[in-house]
PDB file of N, CA and C in Angstrom:
ATOM      1  N   MET A   1     -11.133 -21.336  -2.453  1.00  0.00           N
ATOM      2  CA  MET A   1     -10.469 -20.404  -3.325  1.00  0.00           C
ATOM      3  C   MET A   1     -11.293 -20.250  -4.598  1.00  0.00           C
ATOM      4  N   ALA A   2     -11.422 -19.029  -5.094  1.00  0.00           N
ATOM      5  CA  ALA A   2     -12.226 -18.748  -6.282  1.00  0.00           C
ATOM      6  C   ALA A   2     -11.388 -18.881  -7.552  1.00  0.00           C
ATOM      7  N   ASN A   3     -12.067 -19.179  -8.639  1.00  0.00           N
ATOM      8  CA  ASN A   3     -11.423 -19.198  -9.950  1.00  0.00           C
ATOM      9  C   ASN A   3     -11.729 -17.892 -10.661  1.00  0.00           C
ATOM     10  N   LEU A   4     -10.805 -17.453 -11.504  1.00  0.00           N
ATOM     11  CA  LEU A   4     -10.958 -16.224 -12.264  1.00  0.00           C
ATOM     12  C   LEU A   4     -10.685 -16.532 -13.723  1.00  0.00           C
ATOM     13  N   THR A   5     -11.568 -16.101 -14.593  1.00  0.00           N
ATOM     14  CA  THR A   5     -11.373 -16.293 -16.030  1.00  0.00           C
ATOM     15  C   THR A   5     -11.132 -14.931 -16.668  1.00  0.00           C
ATOM     16  N   ILE A   6     -10.043 -14.849 -17.434  1.00  0.00           N
ATOM     17  CA  ILE A   6      -9.758 -13.599 -18.149  1.00  0.00           C
ATOM     18  C   ILE A   6      -9.561 -13.925 -19.626  1.00  0.00           C
ATOM     19  N   THR A   7      -9.698 -12.923 -20.455  1.00  0.00           N
ATOM     20  CA  THR A   7      -9.493 -13.081 -21.886  1.00  0.00           C
ATOM     21  C   THR A   7      -8.286 -12.253 -22.292  1.00  0.00           C
ATOM     22  N   VAL A   8      -7.317 -12.929 -22.902  1.00  0.00           N
ATOM     23  CA  VAL A   8      -6.111 -12.243 -23.380  1.00  0.00           C
ATOM     24  C   VAL A   8      -5.797 -12.733 -24.792  1.00  0.00           C
ATOM     25  N   ASP A   9      -5.036 -11.953 -25.483  1.00  0.00           N
ATOM     26  CA  ASP A   9      -4.585 -12.294 -26.826  1.00  0.00           C
ATOM     27  C   ASP A   9      -3.727 -13.569 -26.764  1.00  0.00           C
ATOM     28  N   ASP A  10      -3.883 -14.436 -27.750  1.00  0.00           N
ATOM     29  CA  ASP A  10      -3.134 -15.697 -27.781  1.00  0.00           C
ATOM     30  C   ASP A  10      -1.622 -15.473 -27.725  1.00  0.00           C
ATOM     31  N   GLU A  11      -1.146 -14.519 -28.492  1.00  0.00           N
ATOM     32  CA  GLU A  11       0.296 -14.242 -28.521  1.00  0.00           C
ATOM     33  C   GLU A  11       0.779 -13.732 -27.166  1.00  0.00           C
ATOM     34  N   LEU A  12      -0.010 -12.907 -26.514  1.00  0.00           N
ATOM     35  CA  LEU A  12       0.350 -12.410 -25.179  1.00  0.00           C
ATOM     36  C   LEU A  12       0.468 -13.563 -24.189  1.00  0.00           C
ATOM     37  N   LEU A  13      -0.498 -14.477 -24.224  1.00  0.00           N
ATOM     38  CA  LEU A  13      -0.452 -15.628 -23.320  1.00  0.00           C
ATOM     39  C   LEU A  13       0.769 -16.496 -23.623  1.00  0.00           C
ATOM     40  N   HIS A  14       1.088 -16.680 -24.877  1.00  0.00           N
ATOM     41  CA  HIS A  14       2.251 -17.474 -25.267  1.00  0.00           C
ATOM     42  C   HIS A  14       3.537 -16.847 -24.715  1.00  0.00           C
ATOM     43  N   ARG A  15       3.671 -15.528 -24.868  1.00  0.00           N
ATOM     44  CA  ARG A  15       4.862 -14.834 -24.351  1.00  0.00           C
ATOM     45  C   ARG A  15       4.909 -14.899 -22.826  1.00  0.00           C
ATOM     46  N   ALA A  16       3.741 -14.766 -22.187  1.00  0.00           N
ATOM     47  CA  ALA A  16       3.686 -14.830 -20.724  1.00  0.00           C
ATOM     48  C   ALA A  16       4.089 -16.215 -20.225  1.00  0.00           C
ATOM     49  N   ARG A  17       3.651 -17.246 -20.912  1.00  0.00           N
ATOM     50  CA  ARG A  17       4.026 -18.610 -20.516  1.00  0.00           C
ATOM     51  C   ARG A  17       5.533 -18.832 -20.656  1.00  0.00           C
ATOM     52  N   ARG A  18       6.103 -18.342 -21.765  1.00  0.00           N
ATOM     53  CA  ARG A  18       7.556 -18.479 -21.942  1.00  0.00           C
ATOM     54  C   ARG A  18       8.314 -17.742 -20.843  1.00  0.00           C
ATOM     55  N   ARG A  19       7.861 -16.555 -20.521  1.00  0.00           N
ATOM     56  CA  ARG A  19       8.515 -15.757 -19.466  1.00  0.00           C
ATOM     57  C   ARG A  19       8.355 -16.437 -18.106  1.00  0.00           C
ATOM     58  N   ALA A  20       7.207 -16.992 -17.829  1.00  0.00           N
ATOM     59  CA  ALA A  20       6.980 -17.698 -16.568  1.00  0.00           C
ATOM     60  C   ALA A  20       7.913 -18.897 -16.448  1.00  0.00           C
ATOM     61  N   ILE A  21       8.114 -19.623 -17.545  1.00  0.00           N
ATOM     62  CA  ILE A  21       9.038 -20.762 -17.530  1.00  0.00           C
ATOM     63  C   ILE A  21      10.449 -20.291 -17.206  1.00  0.00           C
ATOM     64  N   GLU A  22      10.862 -19.160 -17.797  1.00  0.00           N
ATOM     65  CA  GLU A  22      12.187 -18.597 -17.502  1.00  0.00           C
ATOM     66  C   GLU A  22      12.336 -18.289 -16.011  1.00  0.00           C
ATOM     67  N   LEU A  23      11.236 -17.909 -15.375  1.00  0.00           N
ATOM     68  CA  LEU A  23      11.255 -17.551 -13.949  1.00  0.00           C
ATOM     69  C   LEU A  23      10.930 -18.744 -13.052  1.00  0.00           C
ATOM     70  N   ASP A  24      10.788 -19.921 -13.657  1.00  0.00           N
ATOM     71  CA  ASP A  24      10.462 -21.151 -12.934  1.00  0.00           C
ATOM     72  C   ASP A  24       9.171 -21.015 -12.127  1.00  0.00           C
ATOM     73  N   THR A  25       8.148 -20.496 -12.785  1.00  0.00           N
ATOM     74  CA  THR A  25       6.841 -20.327 -12.148  1.00  0.00           C
ATOM     75  C   THR A  25       5.764 -20.529 -13.205  1.00  0.00           C
ATOM     76  N   SER A  26       4.553 -20.142 -12.901  1.00  0.00           N
ATOM     77  CA  SER A  26       3.453 -20.263 -13.858  1.00  0.00           C
ATOM     78  C   SER A  26       2.774 -18.902 -14.031  1.00  0.00           C
ATOM     79  N   VAL A  27       2.037 -18.787 -15.113  1.00  0.00           N
ATOM     80  CA  VAL A  27       1.274 -17.562 -15.347  1.00  0.00           C
ATOM     81  C   VAL A  27       0.262 -17.384 -14.215  1.00  0.00           C
ATOM     82  N   ASN A  28      -0.343 -18.471 -13.789  1.00  0.00           N
ATOM     83  CA  ASN A  28      -1.311 -18.421 -12.696  1.00  0.00           C
ATOM     84  C   ASN A  28      -0.663 -17.848 -11.427  1.00  0.00           C
ATOM     85  N   ALA A  29       0.514 -18.338 -11.076  1.00  0.00           N
ATOM     86  CA  ALA A  29       1.207 -17.856  -9.876  1.00  0.00           C
ATOM     87  C   ALA A  29       1.582 -16.382 -10.017  1.00  0.00           C
ATOM     88  N   LEU A  30       2.023 -15.995 -11.199  1.00  0.00           N
ATOM     89  CA  LEU A  30       2.375 -14.589 -11.426  1.00  0.00           C
ATOM     90  C   LEU A  30       1.168 -13.680 -11.258  1.00  0.00           C
ATOM     91  N   LEU A  31       0.030 -14.082 -11.834  1.00  0.00           N
ATOM     92  CA  LEU A  31      -1.187 -13.280 -11.708  1.00  0.00           C
ATOM     93  C   LEU A  31      -1.677 -13.224 -10.268  1.00  0.00           C
ATOM     94  N   ARG A  32      -1.606 -14.358  -9.555  1.00  0.00           N
ATOM     95  CA  ARG A  32      -2.019 -14.388  -8.156  1.00  0.00           C
ATOM     96  C   ARG A  32      -1.143 -13.450  -7.313  1.00  0.00           C
ATOM     97  N   ASP A  33       0.183 -13.503  -7.536  1.00  0.00           N
ATOM     98  CA  ASP A  33       1.100 -12.625  -6.801  1.00  0.00           C
ATOM     99  C   ASP A  33       0.822 -11.154  -7.107  1.00  0.00           C
ATOM    100  N   TYR A  34       0.552 -10.866  -8.383  1.00  0.00           N
ATOM    101  CA  TYR A  34       0.248  -9.487  -8.762  1.00  0.00           C
ATOM    102  C   TYR A  34      -1.027  -9.013  -8.074  1.00  0.00           C
ATOM    103  N   LEU A  35      -2.065  -9.825  -8.074  1.00  0.00           N
ATOM    104  CA  LEU A  35      -3.332  -9.434  -7.448  1.00  0.00           C
ATOM    105  C   LEU A  35      -3.173  -9.243  -5.938  1.00  0.00           C
ATOM    106  N   GLU A  36      -2.370 -10.103  -5.305  1.00  0.00           N
ATOM    107  CA  GLU A  36      -2.118  -9.938  -3.871  1.00  0.00           C
ATOM    108  C   GLU A  36      -1.411  -8.612  -3.601  1.00  0.00           C
ATOM    109  N   ALA A  37      -0.412  -8.286  -4.406  1.00  0.00           N
ATOM    110  CA  ALA A  37       0.306  -7.021  -4.238  1.00  0.00           C
ATOM    111  C   ALA A  37      -0.606  -5.830  -4.523  1.00  0.00           C
ATOM    112  N   PHE A  38      -1.420  -5.949  -5.562  1.00  0.00           N
ATOM    113  CA  PHE A  38      -2.344  -4.879  -5.939  1.00  0.00           C
ATOM    114  C   PHE A  38      -3.352  -4.606  -4.827  1.00  0.00           C
ATOM    115  N   ALA A  39      -3.944  -5.662  -4.307  1.00  0.00           N
ATOM    116  CA  ALA A  39      -4.936  -5.514  -3.231  1.00  0.00           C
ATOM    117  C   ALA A  39      -4.258  -5.040  -1.948  1.00  0.00           C
ATOM    118  N   GLY A  40      -3.077  -5.535  -1.660  1.00  0.00           N
ATOM    119  CA  GLY A  40      -2.348  -5.124  -0.466  1.00  0.00           C
ATOM    120  C   GLY A  40      -1.934  -3.673  -0.510  1.00  0.00           C
ATOM    121  N   ALA A  41      -1.560  -3.193  -1.678  1.00  0.00           N
ATOM    122  CA  ALA A  41      -1.153  -1.794  -1.816  1.00  0.00           C
ATOM    123  C   ALA A  41      -2.324  -0.869  -1.520  1.00  0.00           C
ATOM    124  N   ALA A  42      -3.494  -1.237  -1.985  1.00  0.00           N
ATOM    125  CA  ALA A  42      -4.675  -0.409  -1.722  1.00  0.00           C
ATOM    126  C   ALA A  42      -4.993  -0.397  -0.230  1.00  0.00           C
ATOM    127  N   ALA A  43      -4.870  -1.552   0.408  1.00  0.00           N
ATOM    128  CA  ALA A  43      -5.152  -1.628   1.849  1.00  0.00           C
ATOM    129  C   ALA A  43      -4.120  -0.835   2.643  1.00  0.00           C
ATOM    130  N   ALA A  44      -2.850  -0.931   2.250  1.00  0.00           N
ATOM    131  CA  ALA A  44      -1.796  -0.186   2.950  1.00  0.00           C
ATOM    132  C   ALA A  44      -1.993   1.315   2.781  1.00  0.00           C
ATOM    133  N   ARG A  45      -2.381   1.735   1.578  1.00  0.00           N
ATOM    134  CA  ARG A  45      -2.630   3.159   1.325  1.00  0.00           C
ATOM    135  C   ARG A  45      -3.801   3.656   2.176  1.00  0.00           C
ATOM    136  N   ALA A  46      -4.853   2.860   2.259  1.00  0.00           N
ATOM    137  CA  ALA A  46      -6.010   3.243   3.073  1.00  0.00           C
ATOM    138  C   ALA A  46      -5.633   3.325   4.551  1.00  0.00           C
ATOM    139  N   GLN A  47      -4.821   2.389   5.018  1.00  0.00           N
ATOM    140  CA  GLN A  47      -4.391   2.396   6.415  1.00  0.00           C
ATOM    141  C   GLN A  47      -3.508   3.614   6.702  1.00  0.00           C
ATOM    142  N   ALA A  48      -2.614   3.949   5.776  1.00  0.00           N
ATOM    143  CA  ALA A  48      -1.754   5.118   5.959  1.00  0.00           C
ATOM    144  C   ALA A  48      -2.579   6.402   5.978  1.00  0.00           C
ATOM    145  N   THR A  49      -3.558   6.505   5.093  1.00  0.00           N
ATOM    146  CA  THR A  49      -4.425   7.679   5.055  1.00  0.00           C
ATOM    147  C   THR A  49      -5.198   7.817   6.353  1.00  0.00           C
ATOM    148  N   GLU A  50      -5.699   6.708   6.851  1.00  0.00           N
ATOM    149  CA  GLU A  50      -6.436   6.721   8.116  1.00  0.00           C
ATOM    150  C   GLU A  50      -5.528   7.192   9.259  1.00  0.00           C
ATOM    151  N   GLY A  51      -4.297   6.732   9.276  1.00  0.00           N
ATOM    152  CA  GLY A  51      -3.351   7.143  10.305  1.00  0.00           C
ATOM    153  C   GLY A  51      -3.033   8.631  10.239  1.00  0.00           C
ATOM    154  N   ILE A  52      -2.846   9.147   9.038  1.00  0.00           N
ATOM    155  CA  ILE A  52      -2.566  10.573   8.863  1.00  0.00           C
ATOM    156  C   ILE A  52      -3.748  11.409   9.333  1.00  0.00           C
ATOM    157  N   LEU A  53      -4.945  10.992   8.979  1.00  0.00           N
ATOM    158  CA  LEU A  53      -6.136  11.733   9.402  1.00  0.00           C
ATOM    159  C   LEU A  53      -6.295  11.709  10.920  1.00  0.00           C
ATOM    160  N   ARG A  54      -5.990  10.549  11.538  1.00  0.00           N
ATOM    161  CA  ARG A  54      -6.081  10.445  12.999  1.00  0.00           C
ATOM    162  C   ARG A  54      -5.060  11.377  13.662  1.00  0.00           C
ATOM    163  N   LEU A  55      -3.828  11.379  13.164  1.00  0.00           N
ATOM    164  CA  LEU A  55      -2.807  12.265  13.728  1.00  0.00           C
ATOM    165  C   LEU A  55      -3.176  13.733  13.546  1.00  0.00           C
ATOM    166  N   SER A  56      -3.747  14.045  12.411  1.00  0.00           N
ATOM    167  CA  SER A  56      -4.167  15.419  12.147  1.00  0.00           C
ATOM    168  C   SER A  56      -5.259  15.842  13.123  1.00  0.00           C
ATOM    169  N   ALA A  57      -6.221  14.961  13.374  1.00  0.00           N
ATOM    170  CA  ALA A  57      -7.300  15.268  14.315  1.00  0.00           C
ATOM    171  C   ALA A  57      -6.742  15.444  15.727  1.00  0.00           C
ATOM    172  N   GLU A  58      -5.783  14.610  16.112  1.00  0.00           N
ATOM    173  CA  GLU A  58      -5.168  14.738  17.437  1.00  0.00           C
ATOM    174  C   GLU A  58      -4.410  16.063  17.561  1.00  0.00           C
ATOM    175  N   ALA A  59      -3.736  16.464  16.499  1.00  0.00           N
ATOM    176  CA  ALA A  59      -2.977  17.712  16.523  1.00  0.00           C
ATOM    177  C   ALA A  59      -3.912  18.914  16.655  1.00  0.00           C
ATOM    178  N   ARG A  60      -5.068  18.842  16.008  1.00  0.00           N
ATOM    179  CA  ARG A  60      -6.030  19.954  16.084  1.00  0.00           C
ATOM    180  C   ARG A  60      -6.730  20.005  17.432  1.00  0.00           C
ATOM    181  N   SER A  61      -6.755  18.878  18.150  1.00  0.00           N
ATOM    182  CA  SER A  61      -7.513  18.831  19.397  1.00  0.00           C
ATOM    183  C   SER A  61      -6.773  19.488  20.559  1.00  0.00           C
ATOM    184  N   GLY A  62      -5.549  19.847  20.378  1.00  0.00           N
ATOM    185  CA  GLY A  62      -4.812  20.514  21.452  1.00  0.00           C
ATOM    186  C   GLY A  62      -3.350  20.153  21.457  1.00  0.00           C
ATOM    187  N   ARG A  63      -2.663  20.672  22.424  1.00  0.00           N
ATOM    188  CA  ARG A  63      -1.226  20.463  22.513  1.00  0.00           C
ATOM    189  C   ARG A  63      -0.867  19.318  23.435  1.00  0.00           C
ATOM    190  N   GLY A  64      -1.824  18.628  23.965  1.00  0.00           N
ATOM    191  CA  GLY A  64      -1.540  17.581  24.925  1.00  0.00           C
ATOM    192  C   GLY A  64      -1.392  18.198  26.298  1.00  0.00           C
ATOM    193  N   ASN A  65      -0.583  17.599  27.134  1.00  0.00           N
ATOM    194  CA  ASN A  65      -0.393  18.087  28.495  1.00  0.00           C
ATOM    195  C   ASN A  65       0.684  19.150  28.603  1.00  0.00           C
ATOM    196  N   ARG A  66       1.450  19.347  27.581  1.00  0.00           N
ATOM    197  CA  ARG A  66       2.556  20.299  27.619  1.00  0.00           C
ATOM    198  C   ARG A  66       2.018  21.706  27.381  1.00  0.00           C
ATOM    199  N   HIS A  67       2.452  22.648  28.200  1.00  0.00           N
ATOM    200  CA  HIS A  67       2.075  24.048  28.029  1.00  0.00           C
ATOM    201  C   HIS A  67       3.349  24.833  27.737  1.00  0.00           C
ATOM    202  N   TRP A  68       3.443  25.279  26.530  1.00  0.00           N
ATOM    203  CA  TRP A  68       4.642  25.977  26.080  1.00  0.00           C
ATOM    204  C   TRP A  68       4.577  27.443  26.480  1.00  0.00           C
ATOM    205  N   THR A  69       5.715  27.958  26.855  1.00  0.00           N
ATOM    206  CA  THR A  69       5.830  29.397  27.090  1.00  0.00           C
ATOM    207  C   THR A  69       6.596  29.991  25.922  1.00  0.00           C
ATOM    208  N   ARG A  70       6.552  31.295  25.830  1.00  0.00           N
ATOM    209  CA  ARG A  70       7.294  31.978  24.773  1.00  0.00           C
ATOM    210  C   ARG A  70       8.785  31.679  24.906  1.00  0.00           C
ATOM    211  N   ASP A  71       9.280  31.680  26.149  1.00  0.00           N
ATOM    212  CA  ASP A  71      10.698  31.397  26.371  1.00  0.00           C
ATOM    213  C   ASP A  71      11.052  29.960  25.953  1.00  0.00           C
ATOM    214  N   ASP A  72      10.143  29.011  26.225  1.00  0.00           N
ATOM    215  CA  ASP A  72      10.400  27.633  25.808  1.00  0.00           C
ATOM    216  C   ASP A  72      10.537  27.543  24.292  1.00  0.00           C
ATOM    217  N   LEU A  73       9.665  28.229  23.597  1.00  0.00           N
ATOM    218  CA  LEU A  73       9.662  28.159  22.146  1.00  0.00           C
ATOM    219  C   LEU A  73      10.885  28.817  21.523  1.00  0.00           C
ATOM    220  N   HIS A  74      11.424  29.813  22.192  1.00  0.00           N
ATOM    221  CA  HIS A  74      12.580  30.533  21.658  1.00  0.00           C
ATOM    222  C   HIS A  74      13.852  30.203  22.416  1.00  0.00           C
ATOM    223  N   GLU A  75      13.799  29.165  23.252  1.00  0.00           N
ATOM    224  CA  GLU A  75      14.938  28.705  24.033  1.00  0.00           C
ATOM    225  C   GLU A  75      15.588  29.833  24.827  1.00  0.00           C
ATOM    226  N   ARG A  76      14.776  30.659  25.414  1.00  0.00           N
ATOM    227  CA  ARG A  76      15.272  31.756  26.249  1.00  0.00           C
ATOM    228  C   ARG A  76      15.099  31.392  27.728  1.00  0.00           C
ATOM    229  N   GLN A  77      15.998  31.874  28.539  1.00  0.00           N
ATOM    230  CA  GLN A  77      15.849  31.606  29.966  1.00  0.00           C
ATOM    231  C   GLN A  77      16.366  32.759  30.784  1.00  0.00           C
TER     232      GLN A  77
END
């Protein structure tokens, strides 16, 4: 596991530590959870975009095996 060093204002760190204690956790755990969510959100967005593009390409490639008639589309018989 890698270490990360950040620079923050002393007062900000003090407030963050107090808030972490209220939540029964640590500033380190809060930052780790945030980074996991941040990185996961980007990966999920990329995966969703890839899926949309794949579906779009499939839709442009044809109608599949179904051959629609005018009557099928307008529910006429």
